[in-house]
Structure formats: structure tokens, C-alpha cells
N, C-alpha and C. Protein backbone atom coordinates (compact mmCIF):
# COMPACT_ATOMS: atom_id res chain seq x y z
N MET A 1 -9.26 -10.77 -8.25
CA MET A 1 -10.55 -10.05 -7.79
C MET A 1 -11.57 -11.17 -7.54
N SER A 2 -12.06 -11.30 -6.18
CA SER A 2 -13.13 -12.32 -5.88
C SER A 2 -14.36 -11.59 -5.47
N ASP A 3 -15.54 -12.18 -5.87
CA ASP A 3 -16.92 -11.71 -5.36
C ASP A 3 -16.96 -10.19 -5.76
N GLY A 4 -16.44 -9.66 -6.91
CA GLY A 4 -16.51 -8.52 -7.47
C GLY A 4 -15.99 -7.36 -6.68
N PHE A 5 -15.13 -7.78 -5.80
CA PHE A 5 -14.44 -7.06 -4.88
C PHE A 5 -12.81 -7.05 -5.06
N PHE A 6 -12.22 -6.01 -4.76
CA PHE A 6 -10.82 -5.53 -5.25
C PHE A 6 -9.60 -6.11 -4.02
N SER A 7 -10.04 -6.55 -3.05
CA SER A 7 -9.12 -6.99 -2.07
C SER A 7 -7.91 -7.70 -2.68
N GLY A 8 -6.81 -6.97 -2.22
CA GLY A 8 -5.45 -7.81 -2.81
C GLY A 8 -4.97 -7.39 -3.97
N GLN A 9 -5.75 -6.45 -4.61
CA GLN A 9 -5.45 -5.96 -5.98
C GLN A 9 -4.61 -4.58 -5.92
N LEU A 10 -3.80 -4.19 -6.74
CA LEU A 10 -3.13 -2.88 -6.78
C LEU A 10 -4.06 -1.93 -7.60
N LEU A 11 -4.17 -0.73 -7.10
CA LEU A 11 -4.84 0.43 -8.06
C LEU A 11 -3.70 1.27 -8.44
N ILE A 12 -3.89 1.48 -9.78
CA ILE A 12 -2.81 2.32 -10.32
C ILE A 12 -3.64 3.77 -10.95
N ALA A 13 -3.09 4.91 -10.08
CA ALA A 13 -3.77 6.11 -10.54
C ALA A 13 -3.50 6.48 -11.89
N MET A 14 -4.58 6.91 -12.67
CA MET A 14 -4.67 7.24 -14.02
C MET A 14 -4.02 8.82 -14.19
N PRO A 15 -3.34 9.14 -15.02
CA PRO A 15 -2.93 10.79 -15.27
C PRO A 15 -4.07 11.48 -15.28
N GLY A 16 -4.01 12.60 -14.67
CA GLY A 16 -5.40 13.45 -14.67
C GLY A 16 -6.22 13.37 -13.62
N ILE A 17 -5.80 12.28 -12.67
CA ILE A 17 -6.68 11.94 -11.34
C ILE A 17 -7.08 13.51 -10.90
N SER A 18 -8.12 13.71 -10.29
CA SER A 18 -8.53 15.02 -9.84
C SER A 18 -8.09 15.37 -8.31
N ASP A 19 -7.53 14.37 -7.81
CA ASP A 19 -7.02 14.50 -6.30
C ASP A 19 -5.55 14.45 -6.38
N PRO A 20 -4.97 15.61 -6.11
CA PRO A 20 -3.52 15.45 -6.27
C PRO A 20 -2.65 14.62 -5.28
N ARG A 21 -3.23 14.35 -4.30
CA ARG A 21 -2.96 13.41 -3.15
C ARG A 21 -2.84 12.07 -3.84
N PHE A 22 -3.54 11.88 -4.88
CA PHE A 22 -3.21 10.35 -5.42
C PHE A 22 -2.59 10.46 -6.76
N GLU A 23 -1.95 11.57 -7.36
CA GLU A 23 -0.97 11.57 -8.58
C GLU A 23 -0.01 10.33 -8.41
N ARG A 24 -0.07 9.84 -9.64
CA ARG A 24 0.90 8.57 -9.63
C ARG A 24 1.04 7.81 -8.46
N ALA A 25 -0.11 7.59 -7.79
CA ALA A 25 -0.32 6.61 -6.65
C ALA A 25 -0.32 5.12 -7.04
N LEU A 26 0.28 4.14 -6.54
CA LEU A 26 0.06 2.81 -6.60
C LEU A 26 -0.50 2.42 -4.96
N ILE A 27 -1.81 2.03 -5.20
CA ILE A 27 -2.49 1.64 -3.72
C ILE A 27 -2.80 0.14 -3.66
N LEU A 28 -2.41 -0.54 -2.76
CA LEU A 28 -2.94 -2.05 -2.61
C LEU A 28 -4.21 -1.90 -1.90
N VAL A 29 -5.26 -2.35 -2.28
CA VAL A 29 -6.42 -2.61 -1.67
C VAL A 29 -6.45 -3.59 -0.68
N CYS A 30 -6.40 -3.21 0.65
CA CYS A 30 -6.41 -4.24 1.72
C CYS A 30 -7.66 -4.86 2.31
N ALA A 31 -8.62 -4.17 2.15
CA ALA A 31 -10.16 -4.50 2.45
C ALA A 31 -11.07 -4.17 1.43
N HIS A 32 -11.90 -4.85 1.01
CA HIS A 32 -13.14 -4.19 0.28
C HIS A 32 -14.31 -5.23 0.41
N ASP A 33 -15.51 -4.48 0.54
CA ASP A 33 -16.65 -5.13 0.65
C ASP A 33 -17.76 -4.24 0.05
N ASP A 34 -18.99 -4.40 0.51
CA ASP A 34 -20.05 -3.74 -0.09
C ASP A 34 -20.27 -2.48 0.54
N ARG A 35 -19.62 -2.34 1.70
CA ARG A 35 -19.74 -1.11 2.72
C ARG A 35 -18.76 -0.10 2.82
N HIS A 36 -17.30 -0.58 2.17
CA HIS A 36 -16.20 0.43 2.32
C HIS A 36 -15.12 -0.44 1.48
N ALA A 37 -14.06 0.46 1.46
CA ALA A 37 -12.84 -0.20 0.84
C ALA A 37 -11.62 0.60 1.63
N MET A 38 -10.43 -0.24 1.67
CA MET A 38 -9.42 0.66 2.54
C MET A 38 -8.16 0.07 1.91
N GLY A 39 -7.17 0.78 1.42
CA GLY A 39 -5.91 0.49 0.94
C GLY A 39 -4.84 1.39 1.55
N LEU A 40 -3.53 0.84 1.00
CA LEU A 40 -2.16 1.65 1.37
C LEU A 40 -1.52 1.95 0.20
N ALA A 41 -0.96 3.14 0.01
CA ALA A 41 -0.33 3.51 -0.98
C ALA A 41 1.29 2.86 -0.76
N VAL A 42 1.55 2.34 -1.66
CA VAL A 42 2.96 1.69 -1.47
C VAL A 42 4.34 2.35 -2.20
N ASN A 43 3.98 3.52 -2.62
CA ASN A 43 5.12 4.34 -3.43
C ASN A 43 5.20 5.70 -2.95
N ARG A 44 4.83 5.99 -1.78
CA ARG A 44 4.84 7.43 -1.08
C ARG A 44 5.56 7.36 0.07
N PRO A 45 6.90 7.73 0.05
CA PRO A 45 7.75 7.69 1.05
C PRO A 45 7.63 9.17 1.74
N VAL A 46 7.73 8.94 3.16
CA VAL A 46 7.72 10.25 4.02
C VAL A 46 9.07 10.56 3.99
N GLU A 47 9.49 11.91 3.44
CA GLU A 47 10.72 12.51 3.39
C GLU A 47 11.50 12.29 4.44
N GLY A 48 12.74 11.79 4.63
CA GLY A 48 13.55 11.63 5.82
C GLY A 48 13.15 10.94 7.14
N LEU A 49 11.82 10.17 6.92
CA LEU A 49 11.66 9.32 8.23
C LEU A 49 11.83 7.76 7.64
N THR A 50 12.76 7.19 8.36
CA THR A 50 13.01 5.68 8.31
C THR A 50 12.22 5.01 9.46
N VAL A 51 12.18 3.56 9.11
CA VAL A 51 11.67 2.65 10.11
C VAL A 51 12.48 2.86 11.36
N PRO A 52 13.91 2.73 11.47
CA PRO A 52 14.38 2.84 12.86
C PRO A 52 14.18 4.14 13.50
N ASP A 53 14.22 5.42 12.70
CA ASP A 53 13.61 6.54 13.24
C ASP A 53 12.24 6.54 14.06
N LEU A 54 11.38 5.80 13.35
CA LEU A 54 10.06 5.61 13.87
C LEU A 54 9.86 4.68 15.07
N LEU A 55 10.77 3.66 15.06
CA LEU A 55 10.84 2.92 16.15
C LEU A 55 11.51 3.64 17.38
N ALA A 56 12.45 4.35 17.32
CA ALA A 56 13.02 5.00 18.52
C ALA A 56 12.00 6.27 18.94
N ARG A 57 11.23 6.81 18.03
CA ARG A 57 10.12 7.62 18.47
C ARG A 57 8.99 6.91 19.28
N LEU A 58 8.73 5.69 19.00
CA LEU A 58 7.74 5.05 19.64
C LEU A 58 8.31 4.46 20.87
N ASP A 59 9.61 4.54 21.09
CA ASP A 59 10.20 4.00 22.33
C ASP A 59 10.23 2.22 22.03
N ILE A 60 10.42 1.79 20.90
CA ILE A 60 10.53 0.27 20.68
C ILE A 60 12.15 -0.08 20.34
N LYS A 61 12.70 -0.54 21.48
CA LYS A 61 14.06 -0.75 21.57
C LYS A 61 14.17 -2.19 20.30
N SER A 62 15.23 -1.71 19.59
CA SER A 62 15.41 -2.78 18.44
C SER A 62 16.64 -3.63 19.15
N GLN A 63 16.41 -5.01 18.82
CA GLN A 63 17.36 -5.96 19.20
C GLN A 63 18.22 -6.31 17.94
N ILE A 64 17.77 -5.91 16.94
CA ILE A 64 18.68 -6.07 15.62
C ILE A 64 18.76 -4.88 15.05
N LYS A 65 19.57 -4.58 13.95
CA LYS A 65 19.79 -3.52 13.20
C LYS A 65 18.86 -3.43 12.21
N ALA A 66 17.77 -2.63 12.40
CA ALA A 66 16.55 -2.44 11.51
C ALA A 66 17.02 -1.86 10.23
N PRO A 67 16.40 -2.39 8.98
CA PRO A 67 17.01 -1.78 7.85
C PRO A 67 16.59 -0.20 7.78
N PRO A 68 17.02 0.38 7.08
CA PRO A 68 16.88 1.92 6.95
C PRO A 68 15.79 2.39 5.96
N ASP A 69 14.82 1.58 5.99
CA ASP A 69 13.60 1.64 4.98
C ASP A 69 12.93 2.96 5.33
N LEU A 70 12.42 3.69 4.27
CA LEU A 70 11.51 4.62 4.42
C LEU A 70 10.18 4.46 4.92
N VAL A 71 9.69 5.13 5.70
CA VAL A 71 8.04 5.00 6.16
C VAL A 71 7.20 5.43 4.89
N LEU A 72 6.24 4.89 4.69
CA LEU A 72 5.32 5.39 3.64
C LEU A 72 4.13 6.08 4.19
N VAL A 73 3.66 7.11 3.34
CA VAL A 73 2.42 7.62 3.63
C VAL A 73 1.44 6.92 3.03
N GLY A 74 0.53 6.06 3.86
CA GLY A 74 -0.24 5.25 3.24
C GLY A 74 -1.57 5.65 2.75
N GLY A 75 -1.87 6.87 2.90
CA GLY A 75 -2.92 7.68 2.40
C GLY A 75 -3.22 8.78 3.36
N PRO A 76 -4.39 9.59 3.04
CA PRO A 76 -4.73 10.84 3.82
C PRO A 76 -5.56 10.59 4.85
N VAL A 77 -5.96 9.55 5.17
CA VAL A 77 -6.88 9.47 6.45
C VAL A 77 -6.21 8.71 7.63
N GLU A 78 -6.38 9.38 8.79
CA GLU A 78 -5.79 9.20 10.04
C GLU A 78 -4.14 8.98 9.83
N ARG A 79 -3.61 9.87 9.33
CA ARG A 79 -2.03 9.72 9.20
C ARG A 79 -1.30 9.63 10.37
N GLU A 80 -1.80 9.74 11.61
CA GLU A 80 -0.95 9.32 12.68
C GLU A 80 -1.10 7.82 13.23
N ARG A 81 -2.02 7.18 12.34
CA ARG A 81 -2.00 5.67 12.60
C ARG A 81 -1.21 4.92 11.70
N GLY A 82 -0.50 3.85 12.30
CA GLY A 82 0.37 2.99 11.51
C GLY A 82 -0.17 1.79 11.30
N PHE A 83 0.29 1.29 10.14
CA PHE A 83 -0.02 -0.07 9.43
C PHE A 83 1.47 -0.84 9.08
N VAL A 84 1.62 -2.13 9.18
CA VAL A 84 2.76 -2.79 8.68
C VAL A 84 2.04 -3.72 7.68
N LEU A 85 2.42 -3.60 6.37
CA LEU A 85 2.24 -4.48 5.23
C LEU A 85 3.33 -5.55 5.25
N HIS A 86 2.97 -6.79 5.29
CA HIS A 86 4.19 -7.76 5.17
C HIS A 86 3.68 -9.08 4.58
N THR A 87 4.69 -9.83 4.58
CA THR A 87 4.36 -11.19 3.89
C THR A 87 3.78 -11.93 4.97
N ASP A 88 2.99 -12.91 4.53
CA ASP A 88 2.13 -13.66 5.45
C ASP A 88 2.99 -14.80 6.16
N ASP A 89 4.19 -14.77 6.23
CA ASP A 89 4.86 -15.76 7.18
C ASP A 89 5.09 -15.25 8.51
N TYR A 90 4.69 -14.16 8.78
CA TYR A 90 4.27 -13.64 10.01
C TYR A 90 2.87 -13.35 10.40
N ARG A 91 2.27 -13.83 11.42
CA ARG A 91 1.07 -13.43 11.98
C ARG A 91 0.89 -12.83 13.40
N ALA A 92 -0.09 -11.95 13.63
CA ALA A 92 -0.22 -11.54 14.79
C ALA A 92 -1.67 -11.78 15.11
N GLU A 93 -2.14 -11.59 16.42
CA GLU A 93 -3.57 -11.79 16.58
C GLU A 93 -4.44 -10.91 15.73
N HIS A 94 -4.07 -9.76 15.17
CA HIS A 94 -4.87 -8.81 14.50
C HIS A 94 -4.57 -8.71 13.15
N SER A 95 -3.63 -9.45 12.57
CA SER A 95 -3.44 -9.52 11.34
C SER A 95 -4.49 -10.01 10.39
N LEU A 96 -4.67 -9.32 9.18
CA LEU A 96 -5.66 -9.54 8.22
C LEU A 96 -5.09 -10.04 6.92
N GLU A 97 -5.34 -11.11 6.59
CA GLU A 97 -5.05 -11.54 5.13
C GLU A 97 -5.41 -10.68 3.99
N VAL A 98 -4.56 -9.99 3.27
CA VAL A 98 -4.76 -9.01 2.32
C VAL A 98 -4.90 -9.61 0.81
N GLY A 99 -3.89 -10.62 0.66
CA GLY A 99 -4.03 -11.39 -0.69
C GLY A 99 -3.18 -12.61 -0.63
N ASP A 100 -2.74 -13.01 -1.75
CA ASP A 100 -1.94 -14.03 -1.81
C ASP A 100 -0.51 -13.84 -1.29
N GLY A 101 0.00 -14.35 -0.13
CA GLY A 101 1.06 -14.07 0.51
C GLY A 101 1.38 -12.68 1.24
N VAL A 102 0.43 -12.07 1.47
CA VAL A 102 0.56 -10.60 2.05
C VAL A 102 -0.80 -10.58 3.03
N ALA A 103 -0.12 -9.91 4.27
CA ALA A 103 -1.12 -9.65 5.14
C ALA A 103 -0.78 -8.26 5.74
N LEU A 104 -1.72 -7.65 6.63
CA LEU A 104 -1.64 -6.38 7.24
C LEU A 104 -1.95 -6.36 8.56
N THR A 105 -0.98 -5.89 9.38
CA THR A 105 -1.14 -5.80 10.86
C THR A 105 -1.26 -4.17 11.21
N PRO A 106 -2.49 -3.82 11.91
CA PRO A 106 -2.53 -2.46 12.36
C PRO A 106 -2.25 -2.31 13.79
N THR A 107 -1.50 -3.30 14.37
CA THR A 107 -1.06 -3.04 15.87
C THR A 107 0.44 -3.00 15.89
N ARG A 108 0.82 -2.55 17.11
CA ARG A 108 2.26 -2.47 17.59
C ARG A 108 2.94 -3.87 17.45
N ASP A 109 2.12 -4.97 17.43
CA ASP A 109 2.88 -6.37 17.50
C ASP A 109 4.01 -6.56 16.20
N ALA A 110 3.40 -6.08 15.21
CA ALA A 110 4.32 -6.16 14.10
C ALA A 110 5.63 -5.37 14.08
N LEU A 111 5.46 -3.95 14.57
CA LEU A 111 6.50 -3.18 14.77
C LEU A 111 7.56 -3.79 15.68
N GLU A 112 7.07 -4.39 16.79
CA GLU A 112 7.97 -5.06 17.94
C GLU A 112 8.75 -6.34 17.18
N ALA A 113 7.96 -6.95 16.33
CA ALA A 113 8.49 -8.14 15.67
C ALA A 113 9.57 -7.83 14.55
N MET A 114 9.55 -6.56 14.01
CA MET A 114 10.51 -6.02 12.93
C MET A 114 11.69 -5.57 13.88
N ALA A 115 11.69 -5.26 15.21
CA ALA A 115 12.70 -4.88 15.80
C ALA A 115 13.51 -5.94 16.73
N GLU A 116 12.92 -7.24 16.71
CA GLU A 116 13.30 -8.35 17.38
C GLU A 116 14.02 -9.23 16.53
N ALA A 117 14.94 -10.10 17.40
CA ALA A 117 15.59 -11.16 16.41
C ALA A 117 14.72 -12.39 16.25
N GLY A 118 13.78 -12.45 16.77
CA GLY A 118 12.64 -13.65 16.57
C GLY A 118 11.84 -13.70 15.45
N PRO A 119 10.58 -14.35 15.45
CA PRO A 119 9.72 -14.50 14.26
C PRO A 119 9.68 -12.88 13.98
N ALA A 120 9.86 -12.80 12.46
CA ALA A 120 9.33 -11.60 11.91
C ALA A 120 8.96 -11.79 10.51
N PRO A 121 8.39 -10.81 9.78
CA PRO A 121 8.04 -10.96 8.47
C PRO A 121 9.16 -11.03 7.64
N ARG A 122 9.37 -11.87 6.60
CA ARG A 122 10.33 -11.69 5.59
C ARG A 122 10.53 -10.39 4.92
N ARG A 123 9.49 -9.85 4.49
CA ARG A 123 9.45 -8.37 3.92
C ARG A 123 8.27 -7.76 4.50
N SER A 124 8.67 -6.53 4.72
CA SER A 124 7.52 -5.62 5.39
C SER A 124 7.83 -4.09 4.86
N VAL A 125 6.65 -3.33 5.02
CA VAL A 125 6.90 -1.88 4.98
C VAL A 125 5.74 -1.43 5.92
N LEU A 126 6.12 -0.03 6.51
CA LEU A 126 5.48 0.61 7.39
C LEU A 126 4.92 1.68 6.88
N ALA A 127 3.50 2.02 6.84
CA ALA A 127 2.85 3.08 6.45
C ALA A 127 1.96 3.79 7.34
N LEU A 128 1.97 5.13 7.31
CA LEU A 128 1.21 5.85 8.17
C LEU A 128 0.15 6.55 7.39
N GLY A 129 -1.21 6.24 7.97
CA GLY A 129 -2.43 6.70 7.26
C GLY A 129 -2.86 5.64 6.24
N TYR A 130 -4.05 5.89 5.78
CA TYR A 130 -4.69 5.10 4.62
C TYR A 130 -5.44 5.71 3.75
N ALA A 131 -5.74 4.92 2.61
CA ALA A 131 -6.83 5.59 1.83
C ALA A 131 -8.14 4.76 2.11
N GLY A 132 -9.12 5.64 1.95
CA GLY A 132 -10.57 4.93 2.24
C GLY A 132 -11.55 5.42 1.38
N TRP A 133 -12.69 4.53 0.97
CA TRP A 133 -13.62 4.74 0.02
C TRP A 133 -15.12 4.31 0.75
N GLY A 134 -16.17 4.92 0.55
CA GLY A 134 -17.44 4.68 1.15
C GLY A 134 -18.05 3.59 0.24
N ALA A 135 -19.13 3.08 0.37
CA ALA A 135 -19.78 2.06 -0.10
C ALA A 135 -20.19 2.52 -1.59
N GLY A 136 -19.72 1.57 -2.58
CA GLY A 136 -19.66 1.85 -3.98
C GLY A 136 -18.88 2.83 -4.85
N GLN A 137 -18.04 3.65 -3.78
CA GLN A 137 -17.18 4.54 -4.26
C GLN A 137 -16.05 4.26 -5.24
N LEU A 138 -15.24 3.28 -4.71
CA LEU A 138 -14.07 2.61 -5.38
C LEU A 138 -14.55 2.12 -6.69
N GLU A 139 -15.73 1.46 -6.82
CA GLU A 139 -16.26 0.78 -7.91
C GLU A 139 -16.65 1.72 -9.07
N SER A 140 -17.12 2.83 -8.57
CA SER A 140 -17.50 4.06 -9.50
C SER A 140 -16.23 4.77 -9.79
N GLU A 141 -15.30 4.90 -9.14
CA GLU A 141 -13.91 5.49 -9.63
C GLU A 141 -13.24 4.58 -10.65
N ILE A 142 -13.53 3.36 -10.48
CA ILE A 142 -12.89 2.27 -11.43
C ILE A 142 -13.47 2.29 -12.79
N LYS A 143 -14.85 2.53 -12.79
CA LYS A 143 -15.52 2.65 -14.01
C LYS A 143 -15.50 4.13 -14.64
N GLU A 144 -15.22 5.06 -13.95
CA GLU A 144 -14.89 6.30 -14.51
C GLU A 144 -13.52 6.40 -14.95
N ASN A 145 -12.79 5.30 -14.97
CA ASN A 145 -11.26 5.26 -15.40
C ASN A 145 -10.49 6.32 -14.59
N VAL A 146 -10.56 6.25 -13.10
CA VAL A 146 -9.80 6.87 -12.19
C VAL A 146 -8.45 5.98 -12.14
N TRP A 147 -8.80 4.79 -11.99
CA TRP A 147 -7.93 3.64 -11.48
C TRP A 147 -7.68 2.55 -12.61
N LEU A 148 -6.50 1.87 -12.74
CA LEU A 148 -6.29 0.60 -13.51
C LEU A 148 -6.12 -0.30 -12.29
N THR A 149 -6.24 -1.55 -12.58
CA THR A 149 -6.03 -2.49 -11.48
C THR A 149 -4.85 -3.57 -12.02
N CYS A 150 -4.04 -4.08 -10.89
CA CYS A 150 -3.21 -5.00 -11.55
C CYS A 150 -2.90 -6.08 -10.40
N ALA A 151 -2.49 -7.22 -10.65
CA ALA A 151 -1.84 -7.93 -9.45
C ALA A 151 -0.65 -7.48 -8.74
N PRO A 152 -0.37 -7.45 -7.78
CA PRO A 152 0.76 -7.17 -6.95
C PRO A 152 1.86 -8.10 -7.12
N ASP A 153 3.05 -7.59 -7.08
CA ASP A 153 4.22 -8.62 -6.89
C ASP A 153 5.05 -8.03 -5.74
N GLU A 154 5.91 -8.77 -5.15
CA GLU A 154 6.79 -8.20 -3.86
C GLU A 154 7.68 -7.01 -4.25
N ALA A 155 8.04 -6.80 -5.45
CA ALA A 155 8.93 -5.72 -5.81
C ALA A 155 8.11 -4.37 -5.91
N LEU A 156 6.79 -4.56 -6.30
CA LEU A 156 5.90 -3.42 -6.21
C LEU A 156 5.61 -3.05 -4.89
N LEU A 157 5.39 -3.94 -3.94
CA LEU A 157 4.89 -3.81 -2.58
C LEU A 157 5.86 -3.28 -1.77
N PHE A 158 6.96 -4.19 -1.71
CA PHE A 158 8.18 -3.82 -0.64
C PHE A 158 9.43 -3.43 -1.24
N GLY A 159 9.30 -3.17 -2.57
CA GLY A 159 10.70 -2.67 -2.98
C GLY A 159 11.06 -1.25 -2.72
N ALA A 160 12.31 -0.69 -2.65
CA ALA A 160 12.59 0.58 -2.31
C ALA A 160 12.61 1.67 -3.30
N ASP A 161 12.52 1.19 -4.72
CA ASP A 161 12.44 2.10 -5.91
C ASP A 161 11.26 2.63 -5.99
N HIS A 162 10.65 3.56 -5.01
CA HIS A 162 9.33 4.17 -4.97
C HIS A 162 9.31 5.05 -6.28
N GLU A 163 10.07 5.60 -6.62
CA GLU A 163 9.92 6.58 -7.89
C GLU A 163 9.43 5.88 -9.15
N HIS A 164 9.98 4.55 -9.43
CA HIS A 164 9.55 4.03 -10.57
C HIS A 164 8.56 2.86 -10.63
N LYS A 165 7.98 2.72 -9.29
CA LYS A 165 6.77 1.65 -8.94
C LYS A 165 5.66 1.94 -9.91
N TRP A 166 5.08 3.26 -9.99
CA TRP A 166 3.91 3.30 -10.64
C TRP A 166 4.33 3.03 -12.29
N ALA A 167 5.22 3.45 -12.93
CA ALA A 167 5.54 3.06 -14.22
C ALA A 167 5.78 1.57 -14.21
N ARG A 168 6.37 0.76 -13.38
CA ARG A 168 6.54 -0.58 -13.41
C ARG A 168 5.28 -1.37 -13.42
N ALA A 169 4.12 -0.65 -12.50
CA ALA A 169 2.85 -1.18 -12.53
C ALA A 169 2.28 -1.34 -13.84
N LEU A 170 2.29 -0.12 -14.41
CA LEU A 170 1.63 0.09 -15.83
C LEU A 170 2.41 -1.00 -16.79
N ALA A 171 3.58 -1.08 -16.66
CA ALA A 171 4.33 -1.76 -17.64
C ALA A 171 3.89 -3.43 -17.48
N LYS A 172 3.39 -3.80 -16.38
CA LYS A 172 2.92 -5.13 -16.04
C LYS A 172 1.65 -5.41 -16.87
N LEU A 173 0.78 -4.16 -17.16
CA LEU A 173 -0.33 -4.38 -17.87
C LEU A 173 -0.10 -3.89 -19.49
N GLY A 174 1.33 -3.82 -19.71
CA GLY A 174 1.37 -3.64 -21.06
C GLY A 174 1.36 -1.97 -21.49
N VAL A 175 1.15 -1.14 -20.63
CA VAL A 175 0.96 0.19 -20.84
C VAL A 175 2.13 1.08 -20.65
N ASP A 176 2.35 1.91 -21.72
CA ASP A 176 3.56 2.90 -21.65
C ASP A 176 2.99 4.21 -20.97
N PRO A 177 3.40 4.67 -19.97
CA PRO A 177 2.85 5.80 -19.21
C PRO A 177 3.08 6.94 -20.22
N GLU A 178 3.74 7.14 -21.00
CA GLU A 178 3.98 8.25 -22.12
C GLU A 178 2.90 8.22 -23.03
N ARG A 179 2.19 7.16 -23.22
CA ARG A 179 0.95 7.02 -24.27
C ARG A 179 -0.27 7.18 -23.56
N LEU A 180 -0.49 7.28 -22.23
CA LEU A 180 -1.71 7.64 -21.59
C LEU A 180 -2.34 8.76 -21.93
N SER A 181 -3.65 8.93 -21.96
CA SER A 181 -4.13 10.21 -22.15
C SER A 181 -4.68 10.69 -20.57
N PHE A 182 -4.87 11.93 -20.81
CA PHE A 182 -5.12 12.56 -19.31
C PHE A 182 -6.75 12.76 -19.41
N THR A 183 -7.28 12.46 -20.48
CA THR A 183 -9.01 12.33 -20.57
C THR A 183 -9.36 10.98 -20.86
N ALA A 184 -10.47 10.49 -20.22
CA ALA A 184 -11.20 9.36 -20.47
C ALA A 184 -12.22 9.47 -21.51
N GLY A 185 -12.39 8.34 -22.02
CA GLY A 185 -13.52 8.14 -22.97
C GLY A 185 -14.06 6.96 -22.82
N ARG A 186 -15.25 6.73 -23.72
CA ARG A 186 -15.79 5.44 -23.77
C ARG A 186 -16.07 5.08 -25.22
N ALA A 187 -16.16 3.78 -25.54
CA ALA A 187 -16.31 3.41 -26.96
C ALA A 187 -17.58 2.76 -26.98
């Protein structure tokens, strides 16, 4: 965390979160400043929609056999808008550095790179939609124990075991999900 902002950090939803869209969510904060925050859920696959399926729907011809990775629901905002979260070994004109070794490209460039035999990110995920917060909202939610934070790793960001990512993120903090309370308190 730099300058009091959470860009590049993972948010881990606490049990009992009041919004069911974020239950057991693991969200990478891609941008955060004093006006807003934006992140992508990295453990919410769209049932039955793979990257090759989406490339075909967008009429992007694949020169390689794209892996059958599932497309993710990045969040409830602008769910028709796509984002490619990827390792920073690939850059396009509009790529945004998210954190250590990770970038985000919100344009078709990254999708085309994923389908070509040329320069492409070493690892990537495709998400539709994003999670967004207004000024001070994310900070307030963290203070209210809605989210825990941890540093990301490639397995949590790009791994295919979406079902267990939330528990693995908690384990990074030494937290057993079975011992978490649904109510928050203050000492």
C-alpha cells in the first residue's frame, strides 16, 4: 500500500458482507486515489464462457490455440466492458500498471495479443465488468471490517482454481475461514 491507497492489493470479502454480489469475493484493486477506487474480482467465473468463446463472439481470429480459461465477472459495474489483467511483460498503449509485475489493459489490443503468436502476456485473465467505489468509500468499508487486504500472487490472480482462491488468500494471512465471525467488533 502506497500513499494510503490500496492499488495493487487484494481485497478479501469478510463473511457476512451485506452485498451478496461480493460474498467470498477476492478483488484486485487496480486503481485507487482520493476520488475513487476500481478493482476486478479474480475468483468469479462466468459459467460456461471461455476466452476462445468470447474471442469468437468478438470476431477476433486466433492464430494460436487460446487456452480454455473461463472469463471472469470482474464486478457489477459495466458488465459488458472487458478488461485484461495480465503480467507486465506485455504492454499496450492504454495499459495501466496495477502493482508489482501486473498490468491492466482495458482495450481490444490485449485480446488480440492473446490470440496472436506474437508478443503476448505470459499470464492473463479476461474479466467483464468491474467493482467501483466513490471517494472514501473503500477506506470506510475497510475500517468497518468489510474487507481484509493482502498482497497478491500469480496463483491468486491467474490460477484456475477459482473455488479455493478466497480461502487461500485468507490462509496467506494466517486466517482459517472456519474461525471467522460473521459479526465485526472493536477492541
